[in-house]
């Protein structure tokens, strides 16, 4: 299993980023996928989940209305569109296949003026 996250960077408050996660080594279209994030000194937090069919997603209140998860099963890729970013969104973001215990290296998102 390989998960490669990309698309992170430095953005000002109120800005947007689109994260991508390219998956390989398993039948991507059969698995629900999730995005997590981990800020320094904090536990890893689930921020979005999308079903294998593309129906989704579930979001915590902290990102609801600002983040949107999507997927392209033909490209074995899951995305996280993040709008109206806030400094508290600063974290390393990871994708994960539900029920597969494997993580990628993550992509850093820093929201700062």
C-alpha atoms as a PDB file:
ATOM      1  CA  UNK A   1       0.000   0.000   0.000  1.00  0.00           C
ATOM      2  CA  UNK A   2       1.320   3.425  -0.939  1.00  0.00           C
ATOM      3  CA  UNK A   3      -0.304   6.765  -0.242  1.00  0.00           C
ATOM      4  CA  UNK A   4       1.330   9.934  -1.531  1.00  0.00           C
ATOM      5  CA  UNK A   5      -0.128  13.233  -0.379  1.00  0.00           C
ATOM      6  CA  UNK A   6       0.618  16.511  -2.146  1.00  0.00           C
ATOM      7  CA  UNK A   7      -0.680  20.041  -2.549  1.00  0.00           C
ATOM      8  CA  UNK A   8       0.187  21.508   0.820  1.00  0.00           C
ATOM      9  CA  UNK A   9       1.943  24.806   1.331  1.00  0.00           C
ATOM     10  CA  UNK A  10       1.835  28.208   2.953  1.00  0.00           C
ATOM     11  CA  UNK A  11      -1.387  30.167   2.506  1.00  0.00           C
ATOM     12  CA  UNK A  12      -2.830  33.289   4.053  1.00  0.00           C
ATOM     13  CA  UNK A  13      -5.940  33.155   6.235  1.00  0.00           C
ATOM     14  CA  UNK A  14      -9.013  33.031   4.027  1.00  0.00           C
ATOM     15  CA  UNK A  15      -7.121  31.314   1.246  1.00  0.00           C
ATOM     16  CA  UNK A  16      -7.669  27.921  -0.366  1.00  0.00           C
ATOM     17  CA  UNK A  17      -5.696  24.794  -1.071  1.00  0.00           C
ATOM     18  CA  UNK A  18      -6.499  21.519  -2.797  1.00  0.00           C
ATOM     19  CA  UNK A  19      -4.757  18.452  -1.452  1.00  0.00           C
ATOM     20  CA  UNK A  20      -4.337  15.266  -3.473  1.00  0.00           C
ATOM     21  CA  UNK A  21      -3.565  11.721  -2.396  1.00  0.00           C
ATOM     22  CA  UNK A  22      -2.443   9.190  -4.974  1.00  0.00           C
ATOM     23  CA  UNK A  23      -3.073   5.625  -3.848  1.00  0.00           C
ATOM     24  CA  UNK A  24      -1.628   2.343  -5.050  1.00  0.00           C
ATOM     25  CA  UNK A  25      -1.177  -1.230  -3.902  1.00  0.00           C
ATOM     26  CA  UNK A  26      -4.839  -1.951  -3.194  1.00  0.00           C
ATOM     27  CA  UNK A  27      -8.157  -1.824  -5.019  1.00  0.00           C
ATOM     28  CA  UNK A  28      -8.830   1.844  -4.450  1.00  0.00           C
ATOM     29  CA  UNK A  29     -12.407   1.826  -5.714  1.00  0.00           C
ATOM     30  CA  UNK A  30     -13.464  -0.676  -3.049  1.00  0.00           C
ATOM     31  CA  UNK A  31     -12.320   1.345  -0.054  1.00  0.00           C
ATOM     32  CA  UNK A  32     -13.724   4.306   1.779  1.00  0.00           C
ATOM     33  CA  UNK A  33     -11.074   6.991   2.154  1.00  0.00           C
ATOM     34  CA  UNK A  34     -10.378   9.558   4.844  1.00  0.00           C
ATOM     35  CA  UNK A  35      -8.282  12.643   5.416  1.00  0.00           C
ATOM     36  CA  UNK A  36      -6.713  13.252   8.821  1.00  0.00           C
ATOM     37  CA  UNK A  37      -4.573  16.043  10.163  1.00  0.00           C
ATOM     38  CA  UNK A  38      -2.124  16.404  13.011  1.00  0.00           C
ATOM     39  CA  UNK A  39      -1.021  19.710  14.463  1.00  0.00           C
ATOM     40  CA  UNK A  40       2.119  19.987  16.606  1.00  0.00           C
ATOM     41  CA  UNK A  41       1.486  18.658  20.095  1.00  0.00           C
ATOM     42  CA  UNK A  42      -1.993  17.420  19.215  1.00  0.00           C
ATOM     43  CA  UNK A  43      -3.531  14.063  18.398  1.00  0.00           C
ATOM     44  CA  UNK A  44      -4.318  13.099  14.842  1.00  0.00           C
ATOM     45  CA  UNK A  45      -7.820  14.305  13.913  1.00  0.00           C
ATOM     46  CA  UNK A  46     -10.243  12.920  11.330  1.00  0.00           C
ATOM     47  CA  UNK A  47     -11.401  15.726   9.027  1.00  0.00           C
ATOM     48  CA  UNK A  48     -13.280  14.007   6.219  1.00  0.00           C
ATOM     49  CA  UNK A  49     -14.441  10.617   4.947  1.00  0.00           C
ATOM     50  CA  UNK A  50     -15.824   9.612   1.576  1.00  0.00           C
ATOM     51  CA  UNK A  51     -17.412   6.292   0.675  1.00  0.00           C
ATOM     52  CA  UNK A  52     -15.977   4.037  -2.006  1.00  0.00           C
ATOM     53  CA  UNK A  53     -18.820   5.050  -4.330  1.00  0.00           C
ATOM     54  CA  UNK A  54     -17.971   8.719  -4.030  1.00  0.00           C
ATOM     55  CA  UNK A  55     -20.825   9.558  -1.723  1.00  0.00           C
ATOM     56  CA  UNK A  56     -19.538  11.710   1.049  1.00  0.00           C
ATOM     57  CA  UNK A  57     -18.491  13.059   3.272  1.00  0.00           C
ATOM     58  CA  UNK A  58     -18.564  13.303   6.991  1.00  0.00           C
ATOM     59  CA  UNK A  59     -16.891  16.341   8.561  1.00  0.00           C
ATOM     60  CA  UNK A  60     -16.301  17.554  12.093  1.00  0.00           C
ATOM     61  CA  UNK A  61     -17.755  20.916  13.023  1.00  0.00           C
ATOM     62  CA  UNK A  62     -14.304  22.488  12.865  1.00  0.00           C
ATOM     63  CA  UNK A  63     -14.148  22.147   9.055  1.00  0.00           C
ATOM     64  CA  UNK A  64     -17.789  21.702   8.033  1.00  0.00           C
ATOM     65  CA  UNK A  65     -18.781  24.098   5.275  1.00  0.00           C
ATOM     66  CA  UNK A  66     -15.159  24.857   4.413  1.00  0.00           C
ATOM     67  CA  UNK A  67     -13.641  21.478   3.432  1.00  0.00           C
ATOM     68  CA  UNK A  68     -14.887  19.144   0.708  1.00  0.00           C
ATOM     69  CA  UNK A  69     -13.629  15.628   0.077  1.00  0.00           C
ATOM     70  CA  UNK A  70     -13.907  14.026  -3.354  1.00  0.00           C
ATOM     71  CA  UNK A  71     -12.377  11.155  -5.269  1.00  0.00           C
ATOM     72  CA  UNK A  72     -11.621   9.968  -8.765  1.00  0.00           C
ATOM     73  CA  UNK A  73     -11.650   6.175  -8.824  1.00  0.00           C
ATOM     74  CA  UNK A  74     -10.272   6.138 -12.367  1.00  0.00           C
ATOM     75  CA  UNK A  75      -7.169   7.962 -11.118  1.00  0.00           C
ATOM     76  CA  UNK A  76      -6.931   6.238  -7.718  1.00  0.00           C
ATOM     77  CA  UNK A  77      -6.876   9.664  -6.134  1.00  0.00           C
ATOM     78  CA  UNK A  78      -8.709  11.339  -3.299  1.00  0.00           C
ATOM     79  CA  UNK A  79      -8.844  15.109  -2.891  1.00  0.00           C
ATOM     80  CA  UNK A  80      -9.479  17.596  -0.117  1.00  0.00           C
ATOM     81  CA  UNK A  81     -10.601  21.056  -1.163  1.00  0.00           C
ATOM     82  CA  UNK A  82     -10.004  23.486   1.686  1.00  0.00           C
ATOM     83  CA  UNK A  83     -11.521  26.957   1.552  1.00  0.00           C
ATOM     84  CA  UNK A  84     -11.541  29.887   3.955  1.00  0.00           C
ATOM     85  CA  UNK A  85      -8.498  28.479   5.710  1.00  0.00           C
ATOM     86  CA  UNK A  86      -7.777  29.522   9.278  1.00  0.00           C
ATOM     87  CA  UNK A  87      -4.541  29.492  11.288  1.00  0.00           C
ATOM     88  CA  UNK A  88      -5.959  26.611  13.338  1.00  0.00           C
ATOM     89  CA  UNK A  89      -6.026  24.501  10.175  1.00  0.00           C
ATOM     90  CA  UNK A  90      -2.228  24.433  10.253  1.00  0.00           C
ATOM     91  CA  UNK A  91      -1.182  20.776  10.418  1.00  0.00           C
ATOM     92  CA  UNK A  92       0.270  17.872   8.495  1.00  0.00           C
ATOM     93  CA  UNK A  93      -2.509  16.316   6.434  1.00  0.00           C
ATOM     94  CA  UNK A  94      -2.683  12.594   5.725  1.00  0.00           C
ATOM     95  CA  UNK A  95      -4.958  10.385   3.706  1.00  0.00           C
ATOM     96  CA  UNK A  96      -5.864   6.858   4.694  1.00  0.00           C
ATOM     97  CA  UNK A  97      -7.920   3.992   3.395  1.00  0.00           C
ATOM     98  CA  UNK A  98     -10.521   3.006   5.952  1.00  0.00           C
ATOM     99  CA  UNK A  99      -9.621  -0.414   7.440  1.00  0.00           C
ATOM    100  CA  UNK A 100      -6.079  -0.406   6.007  1.00  0.00           C
ATOM    101  CA  UNK A 101      -3.458   0.473   8.601  1.00  0.00           C
ATOM    102  CA  UNK A 102      -1.044   2.350   6.384  1.00  0.00           C
ATOM    103  CA  UNK A 103      -0.121   6.022   6.251  1.00  0.00           C
ATOM    104  CA  UNK A 104       1.672   8.228   3.765  1.00  0.00           C
ATOM    105  CA  UNK A 105       4.233  10.870   4.610  1.00  0.00           C
ATOM    106  CA  UNK A 106       1.647  13.627   4.779  1.00  0.00           C
ATOM    107  CA  UNK A 107       1.668  17.133   3.352  1.00  0.00           C
ATOM    108  CA  UNK A 108       2.236  20.252   5.437  1.00  0.00           C
ATOM    109  CA  UNK A 109      -0.389  22.985   5.424  1.00  0.00           C
ATOM    110  CA  UNK A 110       0.531  26.265   7.068  1.00  0.00           C
ATOM    111  CA  UNK A 111      -2.003  29.066   7.358  1.00  0.00           C
ATOM    112  CA  UNK A 112      -0.350  32.296   8.333  1.00  0.00           C
ATOM    113  CA  UNK A 113      -0.184  35.932   7.367  1.00  0.00           C
END
